């Protein structure tokens, strides 16, 4: 039995995989936005101006990591969507 997989199938699989990674990260970011009532950038600006608060600092580090991960995954998704030369190895 042989299975034929097209380049478009590979692209679709990679897109779905990336989207499935994006969804929970966006949810975590929304949780922080609800908790503090700010976007990450606004929260970051406030953190620079306020006295040190360990809970907020922990949230800041985690939120920043989620924000960076989201940016990276969205960049990967754009690259997948615009890829013209797909090779299967």
PDB file of N, CA and C in Angstrom:
ATOM      1  N   UNK A   1       0.842  -1.175   0.000  1.00  0.00           N
ATOM      2  CA  UNK A   1       0.000   0.000   0.000  1.00  0.00           C
ATOM      3  C   UNK A   1       0.890   1.243   0.000  1.00  0.00           C
ATOM      4  N   UNK A   2       0.599   2.153  -0.874  1.00  0.00           N
ATOM      5  CA  UNK A   2       1.366   3.400  -0.912  1.00  0.00           C
ATOM      6  C   UNK A   2       0.433   4.573  -0.664  1.00  0.00           C
ATOM      7  N   UNK A   3       0.996   5.585  -0.074  1.00  0.00           N
ATOM      8  CA  UNK A   3       0.243   6.795   0.226  1.00  0.00           C
ATOM      9  C   UNK A   3       0.924   7.945  -0.495  1.00  0.00           C
ATOM     10  N   UNK A   4       0.136   8.716  -1.203  1.00  0.00           N
ATOM     11  CA  UNK A   4       0.665   9.862  -1.922  1.00  0.00           C
ATOM     12  C   UNK A   4       0.277  11.126  -1.159  1.00  0.00           C
ATOM     13  N   UNK A   5       1.274  11.930  -0.871  1.00  0.00           N
ATOM     14  CA  UNK A   5       1.057  13.180  -0.159  1.00  0.00           C
ATOM     15  C   UNK A   5       1.578  14.307  -1.040  1.00  0.00           C
ATOM     16  N   UNK A   6       0.724  15.250  -1.317  1.00  0.00           N
ATOM     17  CA  UNK A   6       1.127  16.371  -2.162  1.00  0.00           C
ATOM     18  C   UNK A   6       1.828  17.444  -1.336  1.00  0.00           C
ATOM     19  N   UNK A   7       2.507  18.332  -2.040  1.00  0.00           N
ATOM     20  CA  UNK A   7       3.143  19.457  -1.366  1.00  0.00           C
ATOM     21  C   UNK A   7       2.093  20.333  -0.684  1.00  0.00           C
ATOM     22  N   UNK A   8       0.933  20.447  -1.306  1.00  0.00           N
ATOM     23  CA  UNK A   8      -0.148  21.235  -0.704  1.00  0.00           C
ATOM     24  C   UNK A   8      -0.646  20.572   0.581  1.00  0.00           C
ATOM     25  N   UNK A   9      -0.666  19.236   0.626  1.00  0.00           N
ATOM     26  CA  UNK A   9      -1.027  18.524   1.854  1.00  0.00           C
ATOM     27  C   UNK A   9      -0.033  18.834   2.974  1.00  0.00           C
ATOM     28  N   UNK A  10       1.244  18.866   2.610  1.00  0.00           N
ATOM     29  CA  UNK A  10       2.286  19.175   3.592  1.00  0.00           C
ATOM     30  C   UNK A  10       2.108  20.605   4.097  1.00  0.00           C
ATOM     31  N   UNK A  11       1.847  21.536   3.174  1.00  0.00           N
ATOM     32  CA  UNK A  11       1.633  22.931   3.560  1.00  0.00           C
ATOM     33  C   UNK A  11       0.429  23.040   4.499  1.00  0.00           C
ATOM     34  N   UNK A  12      -0.661  22.379   4.149  1.00  0.00           N
ATOM     35  CA  UNK A  12      -1.868  22.414   4.976  1.00  0.00           C
ATOM     36  C   UNK A  12      -1.600  21.830   6.356  1.00  0.00           C
ATOM     37  N   UNK A  13      -0.880  20.710   6.404  1.00  0.00           N
ATOM     38  CA  UNK A  13      -0.550  20.094   7.688  1.00  0.00           C
ATOM     39  C   UNK A  13       0.274  21.046   8.551  1.00  0.00           C
ATOM     40  N   UNK A  14       1.301  21.659   7.958  1.00  0.00           N
ATOM     41  CA  UNK A  14       2.149  22.594   8.704  1.00  0.00           C
ATOM     42  C   UNK A  14       1.362  23.811   9.183  1.00  0.00           C
ATOM     43  N   UNK A  15       0.455  24.309   8.349  1.00  0.00           N
ATOM     44  CA  UNK A  15      -0.389  25.439   8.761  1.00  0.00           C
ATOM     45  C   UNK A  15      -1.253  25.050   9.952  1.00  0.00           C
ATOM     46  N   UNK A  16      -1.895  23.880   9.863  1.00  0.00           N
ATOM     47  CA  UNK A  16      -2.766  23.444  10.954  1.00  0.00           C
ATOM     48  C   UNK A  16      -1.974  23.199  12.237  1.00  0.00           C
ATOM     49  N   UNK A  17      -0.798  22.626  12.105  1.00  0.00           N
ATOM     50  CA  UNK A  17       0.048  22.394  13.269  1.00  0.00           C
ATOM     51  C   UNK A  17       0.425  23.720  13.933  1.00  0.00           C
ATOM     52  N   UNK A  18       0.800  24.685  13.126  1.00  0.00           N
ATOM     53  CA  UNK A  18       1.182  25.993  13.658  1.00  0.00           C
ATOM     54  C   UNK A  18      -0.011  26.696  14.295  1.00  0.00           C
ATOM     55  N   UNK A  19      -1.158  26.647  13.636  1.00  0.00           N
ATOM     56  CA  UNK A  19      -2.377  27.259  14.192  1.00  0.00           C
ATOM     57  C   UNK A  19      -2.739  26.601  15.522  1.00  0.00           C
ATOM     58  N   UNK A  20      -2.558  25.289  15.619  1.00  0.00           N
ATOM     59  CA  UNK A  20      -2.878  24.591  16.874  1.00  0.00           C
ATOM     60  C   UNK A  20      -1.932  25.003  17.999  1.00  0.00           C
ATOM     61  N   UNK A  21      -0.733  25.450  17.647  1.00  0.00           N
ATOM     62  CA  UNK A  21       0.203  25.956  18.653  1.00  0.00           C
ATOM     63  C   UNK A  21      -0.128  27.399  19.024  1.00  0.00           C
ATOM     64  N   UNK A  22      -0.645  28.149  18.089  1.00  0.00           N
ATOM     65  CA  UNK A  22      -0.988  29.561  18.324  1.00  0.00           C
ATOM     66  C   UNK A  22      -2.187  29.702  19.265  1.00  0.00           C
ATOM     67  N   UNK A  23      -3.189  28.873  19.084  1.00  0.00           N
ATOM     68  CA  UNK A  23      -4.447  29.015  19.834  1.00  0.00           C
ATOM     69  C   UNK A  23      -4.260  29.057  21.350  1.00  0.00           C
ATOM     70  N   UNK A  24      -3.557  28.103  21.974  1.00  0.00           N
ATOM     71  CA  UNK A  24      -3.421  28.179  23.439  1.00  0.00           C
ATOM     72  C   UNK A  24      -2.562  29.355  23.903  1.00  0.00           C
ATOM     73  N   UNK A  25      -1.622  29.770  23.075  1.00  0.00           N
ATOM     74  CA  UNK A  25      -0.788  30.925  23.439  1.00  0.00           C
ATOM     75  C   UNK A  25      -1.642  32.190  23.451  1.00  0.00           C
ATOM     76  N   UNK A  26      -2.499  32.344  22.442  1.00  0.00           N
ATOM     77  CA  UNK A  26      -3.397  33.509  22.418  1.00  0.00           C
ATOM     78  C   UNK A  26      -4.314  33.503  23.636  1.00  0.00           C
ATOM     79  N   UNK A  27      -4.760  32.329  24.038  1.00  0.00           N
ATOM     80  CA  UNK A  27      -5.640  32.236  25.207  1.00  0.00           C
ATOM     81  C   UNK A  27      -4.915  32.675  26.478  1.00  0.00           C
ATOM     82  N   UNK A  28      -3.654  32.267  26.630  1.00  0.00           N
ATOM     83  CA  UNK A  28      -2.875  32.681  27.798  1.00  0.00           C
ATOM     84  C   UNK A  28      -2.656  34.199  27.790  1.00  0.00           C
ATOM     85  N   UNK A  29      -2.394  34.753  26.613  1.00  0.00           N
ATOM     86  CA  UNK A  29      -2.216  36.206  26.496  1.00  0.00           C
ATOM     87  C   UNK A  29      -3.506  36.919  26.878  1.00  0.00           C
ATOM     88  N   UNK A  30      -4.652  36.408  26.413  1.00  0.00           N
ATOM     89  CA  UNK A  30      -5.951  37.005  26.785  1.00  0.00           C
ATOM     90  C   UNK A  30      -6.175  36.963  28.292  1.00  0.00           C
ATOM     91  N   UNK A  31      -5.721  35.888  28.927  1.00  0.00           N
ATOM     92  CA  UNK A  31      -5.861  35.771  30.388  1.00  0.00           C
ATOM     93  C   UNK A  31      -5.108  36.898  31.089  1.00  0.00           C
ATOM     94  N   UNK A  32      -3.888  37.171  30.637  1.00  0.00           N
ATOM     95  CA  UNK A  32      -3.117  38.272  31.226  1.00  0.00           C
ATOM     96  C   UNK A  32      -3.765  39.620  30.921  1.00  0.00           C
ATOM     97  N   UNK A  33      -4.272  39.793  29.712  1.00  0.00           N
ATOM     98  CA  UNK A  33      -4.930  41.057  29.348  1.00  0.00           C
ATOM     99  C   UNK A  33      -6.160  41.293  30.215  1.00  0.00           C
ATOM    100  N   UNK A  34      -6.904  40.229  30.497  1.00  0.00           N
ATOM    101  CA  UNK A  34      -8.084  40.359  31.375  1.00  0.00           C
ATOM    102  C   UNK A  34      -7.649  40.657  32.806  1.00  0.00           C
ATOM    103  N   UNK A  35      -6.628  39.974  33.266  1.00  0.00           N
ATOM    104  CA  UNK A  35      -6.167  40.138  34.649  1.00  0.00           C
ATOM    105  C   UNK A  35      -5.719  41.571  34.915  1.00  0.00           C
ATOM    106  N   UNK A  36      -4.993  42.153  33.977  1.00  0.00           N
ATOM    107  CA  UNK A  36      -4.422  43.478  34.202  1.00  0.00           C
ATOM    108  C   UNK A  36      -5.146  44.602  33.473  1.00  0.00           C
ATOM    109  N   UNK A  37      -5.956  44.268  32.478  1.00  0.00           N
ATOM    110  CA  UNK A  37      -6.685  45.299  31.747  1.00  0.00           C
ATOM    111  C   UNK A  37      -5.825  46.086  30.774  1.00  0.00           C
ATOM    112  N   UNK A  38      -4.704  45.508  30.365  1.00  0.00           N
ATOM    113  CA  UNK A  38      -3.770  46.169  29.452  1.00  0.00           C
ATOM    114  C   UNK A  38      -3.292  45.184  28.382  1.00  0.00           C
ATOM    115  N   UNK A  39      -2.771  45.746  27.297  1.00  0.00           N
ATOM    116  CA  UNK A  39      -2.024  44.921  26.354  1.00  0.00           C
ATOM    117  C   UNK A  39      -0.650  44.668  26.970  1.00  0.00           C
ATOM    118  N   UNK A  40       0.108  43.759  26.379  1.00  0.00           N
ATOM    119  CA  UNK A  40       1.443  43.490  26.899  1.00  0.00           C
ATOM    120  C   UNK A  40       2.307  44.749  26.880  1.00  0.00           C
ATOM    121  N   UNK A  41       2.248  45.496  25.794  1.00  0.00           N
ATOM    122  CA  UNK A  41       3.073  46.694  25.665  1.00  0.00           C
ATOM    123  C   UNK A  41       2.733  47.723  26.739  1.00  0.00           C
ATOM    124  N   UNK A  42       1.442  47.904  26.994  1.00  0.00           N
ATOM    125  CA  UNK A  42       1.021  48.837  28.051  1.00  0.00           C
ATOM    126  C   UNK A  42       1.482  48.348  29.423  1.00  0.00           C
ATOM    127  N   UNK A  43       1.349  47.049  29.655  1.00  0.00           N
ATOM    128  CA  UNK A  43       1.772  46.462  30.927  1.00  0.00           C
ATOM    129  C   UNK A  43       3.280  46.629  31.107  1.00  0.00           C
ATOM    130  N   UNK A  44       4.017  46.390  30.040  1.00  0.00           N
ATOM    131  CA  UNK A  44       5.473  46.525  30.090  1.00  0.00           C
ATOM    132  C   UNK A  44       5.870  47.957  30.450  1.00  0.00           C
ATOM    133  N   UNK A  45       5.219  48.939  29.843  1.00  0.00           N
ATOM    134  CA  UNK A  45       5.494  50.344  30.168  1.00  0.00           C
ATOM    135  C   UNK A  45       5.221  50.629  31.639  1.00  0.00           C
ATOM    136  N   UNK A  46       4.125  50.120  32.151  1.00  0.00           N
ATOM    137  CA  UNK A  46       3.773  50.348  33.560  1.00  0.00           C
ATOM    138  C   UNK A  46       4.768  49.668  34.496  1.00  0.00           C
ATOM    139  N   UNK A  47       5.243  48.480  34.106  1.00  0.00           N
ATOM    140  CA  UNK A  47       6.206  47.755  34.942  1.00  0.00           C
ATOM    141  C   UNK A  47       7.484  48.571  35.125  1.00  0.00           C
ATOM    142  N   UNK A  48       7.861  49.299  34.099  1.00  0.00           N
ATOM    143  CA  UNK A  48       9.096  50.101  34.165  1.00  0.00           C
ATOM    144  C   UNK A  48       8.944  51.277  35.124  1.00  0.00           C
ATOM    145  N   UNK A  49       7.714  51.714  35.343  1.00  0.00           N
ATOM    146  CA  UNK A  49       7.459  52.905  36.154  1.00  0.00           C
ATOM    147  C   UNK A  49       7.090  52.585  37.602  1.00  0.00           C
ATOM    148  N   UNK A  50       6.648  51.355  37.867  1.00  0.00           N
ATOM    149  CA  UNK A  50       6.170  50.990  39.197  1.00  0.00           C
ATOM    150  C   UNK A  50       7.274  50.384  40.049  1.00  0.00           C
ATOM    151  N   UNK A  51       7.009  50.343  41.352  1.00  0.00           N
ATOM    152  CA  UNK A  51       7.905  49.637  42.258  1.00  0.00           C
ATOM    153  C   UNK A  51       7.851  48.148  41.957  1.00  0.00           C
ATOM    154  N   UNK A  52       8.900  47.448  42.349  1.00  0.00           N
ATOM    155  CA  UNK A  52       9.000  46.027  42.071  1.00  0.00           C
ATOM    156  C   UNK A  52       7.898  45.249  42.796  1.00  0.00           C
ATOM    157  N   UNK A  53       7.236  44.386  42.049  1.00  0.00           N
ATOM    158  CA  UNK A  53       6.179  43.523  42.568  1.00  0.00           C
ATOM    159  C   UNK A  53       6.461  42.145  41.984  1.00  0.00           C
ATOM    160  N   UNK A  54       6.802  41.179  42.849  1.00  0.00           N
ATOM    161  CA  UNK A  54       7.252  39.878  42.368  1.00  0.00           C
ATOM    162  C   UNK A  54       6.187  39.121  41.577  1.00  0.00           C
ATOM    163  N   UNK A  55       4.929  39.224  41.990  1.00  0.00           N
ATOM    164  CA  UNK A  55       3.858  38.546  41.237  1.00  0.00           C
ATOM    165  C   UNK A  55       3.746  39.134  39.830  1.00  0.00           C
ATOM    166  N   UNK A  56       3.744  40.458  39.767  1.00  0.00           N
ATOM    167  CA  UNK A  56       3.670  41.110  38.451  1.00  0.00           C
ATOM    168  C   UNK A  56       4.908  40.792  37.622  1.00  0.00           C
ATOM    169  N   UNK A  57       6.067  40.750  38.260  1.00  0.00           N
ATOM    170  CA  UNK A  57       7.299  40.444  37.542  1.00  0.00           C
ATOM    171  C   UNK A  57       7.240  39.032  36.952  1.00  0.00           C
ATOM    172  N   UNK A  58       6.761  38.067  37.748  1.00  0.00           N
ATOM    173  CA  UNK A  58       6.605  36.698  37.247  1.00  0.00           C
ATOM    174  C   UNK A  58       5.640  36.660  36.063  1.00  0.00           C
ATOM    175  N   UNK A  59       4.516  37.370  36.203  1.00  0.00           N
ATOM    176  CA  UNK A  59       3.548  37.430  35.107  1.00  0.00           C
ATOM    177  C   UNK A  59       4.153  38.097  33.881  1.00  0.00           C
ATOM    178  N   UNK A  60       4.933  39.149  34.112  1.00  0.00           N
ATOM    179  CA  UNK A  60       5.587  39.857  33.012  1.00  0.00           C
ATOM    180  C   UNK A  60       6.502  38.923  32.224  1.00  0.00           C
ATOM    181  N   UNK A  61       7.319  38.164  32.920  1.00  0.00           N
ATOM    182  CA  UNK A  61       8.255  37.244  32.259  1.00  0.00           C
ATOM    183  C   UNK A  61       7.488  36.198  31.448  1.00  0.00           C
ATOM    184  N   UNK A  62       6.452  35.628  32.049  1.00  0.00           N
ATOM    185  CA  UNK A  62       5.651  34.613  31.357  1.00  0.00           C
ATOM    186  C   UNK A  62       4.922  35.227  30.160  1.00  0.00           C
ATOM    187  N   UNK A  63       4.305  36.379  30.361  1.00  0.00           N
ATOM    188  CA  UNK A  63       3.554  37.066  29.310  1.00  0.00           C
ATOM    189  C   UNK A  63       4.473  37.435  28.150  1.00  0.00           C
ATOM    190  N   UNK A  64       5.667  37.912  28.498  1.00  0.00           N
ATOM    191  CA  UNK A  64       6.641  38.271  27.459  1.00  0.00           C
ATOM    192  C   UNK A  64       7.023  37.041  26.636  1.00  0.00           C
ATOM    193  N   UNK A  65       7.227  35.914  27.285  1.00  0.00           N
ATOM    194  CA  UNK A  65       7.576  34.680  26.578  1.00  0.00           C
ATOM    195  C   UNK A  65       6.441  34.261  25.643  1.00  0.00           C
ATOM    196  N   UNK A  66       5.199  34.348  26.125  1.00  0.00           N
ATOM    197  CA  UNK A  66       4.056  34.016  25.265  1.00  0.00           C
ATOM    198  C   UNK A  66       3.958  34.978  24.082  1.00  0.00           C
ATOM    199  N   UNK A  67       4.204  36.247  24.324  1.00  0.00           N
ATOM    200  CA  UNK A  67       4.136  37.252  23.257  1.00  0.00           C
ATOM    201  C   UNK A  67       5.197  36.978  22.195  1.00  0.00           C
ATOM    202  N   UNK A  68       6.403  36.666  22.630  1.00  0.00           N
ATOM    203  CA  UNK A  68       7.481  36.361  21.679  1.00  0.00           C
ATOM    204  C   UNK A  68       7.198  35.071  20.919  1.00  0.00           C
ATOM    205  N   UNK A  69       6.678  34.070  21.615  1.00  0.00           N
ATOM    206  CA  UNK A  69       6.321  32.813  20.952  1.00  0.00           C
ATOM    207  C   UNK A  69       5.245  33.040  19.899  1.00  0.00           C
ATOM    208  N   UNK A  70       4.263  33.864  20.246  1.00  0.00           N
ATOM    209  CA  UNK A  70       3.185  34.174  19.300  1.00  0.00           C
ATOM    210  C   UNK A  70       3.743  34.859  18.062  1.00  0.00           C
ATOM    211  N   UNK A  71       4.609  35.830  18.261  1.00  0.00           N
ATOM    212  CA  UNK A  71       5.219  36.518  17.110  1.00  0.00           C
ATOM    213  C   UNK A  71       5.977  35.541  16.220  1.00  0.00           C
ATOM    214  N   UNK A  72       6.738  34.655  16.835  1.00  0.00           N
ATOM    215  CA  UNK A  72       7.506  33.674  16.069  1.00  0.00           C
ATOM    216  C   UNK A  72       6.595  32.728  15.295  1.00  0.00           C
ATOM    217  N   UNK A  73       5.547  32.250  15.942  1.00  0.00           N
ATOM    218  CA  UNK A  73       4.625  31.331  15.276  1.00  0.00           C
ATOM    219  C   UNK A  73       3.846  32.025  14.163  1.00  0.00           C
ATOM    220  N   UNK A  74       3.448  33.277  14.384  1.00  0.00           N
ATOM    221  CA  UNK A  74       2.747  34.013  13.330  1.00  0.00           C
ATOM    222  C   UNK A  74       3.672  34.259  12.139  1.00  0.00           C
ATOM    223  N   UNK A  75       4.947  34.498  12.411  1.00  0.00           N
ATOM    224  CA  UNK A  75       5.929  34.660  11.343  1.00  0.00           C
ATOM    225  C   UNK A  75       6.096  33.347  10.574  1.00  0.00           C
ATOM    226  N   UNK A  76       6.149  32.253  11.315  1.00  0.00           N
ATOM    227  CA  UNK A  76       6.252  30.932  10.685  1.00  0.00           C
ATOM    228  C   UNK A  76       5.030  30.668   9.815  1.00  0.00           C
ATOM    229  N   UNK A  77       3.852  31.013  10.303  1.00  0.00           N
ATOM    230  CA  UNK A  77       2.619  30.812   9.551  1.00  0.00           C
ATOM    231  C   UNK A  77       2.636  31.614   8.253  1.00  0.00           C
ATOM    232  N   UNK A  78       3.077  32.855   8.330  1.00  0.00           N
ATOM    233  CA  UNK A  78       3.178  33.679   7.114  1.00  0.00           C
ATOM    234  C   UNK A  78       4.163  33.057   6.117  1.00  0.00           C
ATOM    235  N   UNK A  79       5.265  32.528   6.636  1.00  0.00           N
ATOM    236  CA  UNK A  79       6.253  31.891   5.763  1.00  0.00           C
ATOM    237  C   UNK A  79       5.679  30.651   5.094  1.00  0.00           C
ATOM    238  N   UNK A  80       4.919  29.877   5.830  1.00  0.00           N
ATOM    239  CA  UNK A  80       4.284  28.679   5.269  1.00  0.00           C
ATOM    240  C   UNK A  80       3.295  29.083   4.183  1.00  0.00           C
ATOM    241  N   UNK A  81       2.490  30.095   4.476  1.00  0.00           N
ATOM    242  CA  UNK A  81       1.466  30.521   3.529  1.00  0.00           C
ATOM    243  C   UNK A  81       2.069  31.101   2.246  1.00  0.00           C
ATOM    244  N   UNK A  82       3.223  31.725   2.358  1.00  0.00           N
ATOM    245  CA  UNK A  82       3.805  32.362   1.180  1.00  0.00           C
ATOM    246  C   UNK A  82       4.902  31.523   0.531  1.00  0.00           C
ATOM    247  N   UNK A  83       5.174  30.352   1.075  1.00  0.00           N
ATOM    248  CA  UNK A  83       6.249  29.503   0.539  1.00  0.00           C
ATOM    249  C   UNK A  83       5.939  29.114  -0.908  1.00  0.00           C
ATOM    250  N   UNK A  84       6.916  29.302  -1.749  1.00  0.00           N
ATOM    251  CA  UNK A  84       6.765  28.955  -3.154  1.00  0.00           C
ATOM    252  C   UNK A  84       7.522  27.675  -3.491  1.00  0.00           C
ATOM    253  N   UNK A  85       8.590  27.425  -2.758  1.00  0.00           N
ATOM    254  CA  UNK A  85       9.407  26.261  -3.017  1.00  0.00           C
ATOM    255  C   UNK A  85       9.308  25.311  -1.827  1.00  0.00           C
ATOM    256  N   UNK A  86       8.481  24.300  -1.953  1.00  0.00           N
ATOM    257  CA  UNK A  86       8.294  23.337  -0.879  1.00  0.00           C
ATOM    258  C   UNK A  86       8.974  22.039  -1.281  1.00  0.00           C
ATOM    259  N   UNK A  87       9.863  21.586  -0.424  1.00  0.00           N
ATOM    260  CA  UNK A  87      10.560  20.332  -0.690  1.00  0.00           C
ATOM    261  C   UNK A  87      10.242  19.357   0.434  1.00  0.00           C
ATOM    262  N   UNK A  88      10.035  18.134   0.048  1.00  0.00           N
ATOM    263  CA  UNK A  88       9.769  17.074   1.025  1.00  0.00           C
ATOM    264  C   UNK A  88      11.000  16.185   1.044  1.00  0.00           C
ATOM    265  N   UNK A  89      11.550  15.996   2.222  1.00  0.00           N
ATOM    266  CA  UNK A  89      12.752  15.158   2.301  1.00  0.00           C
ATOM    267  C   UNK A  89      12.468  13.882   3.052  1.00  0.00           C
TER     268      UNK A  89
END
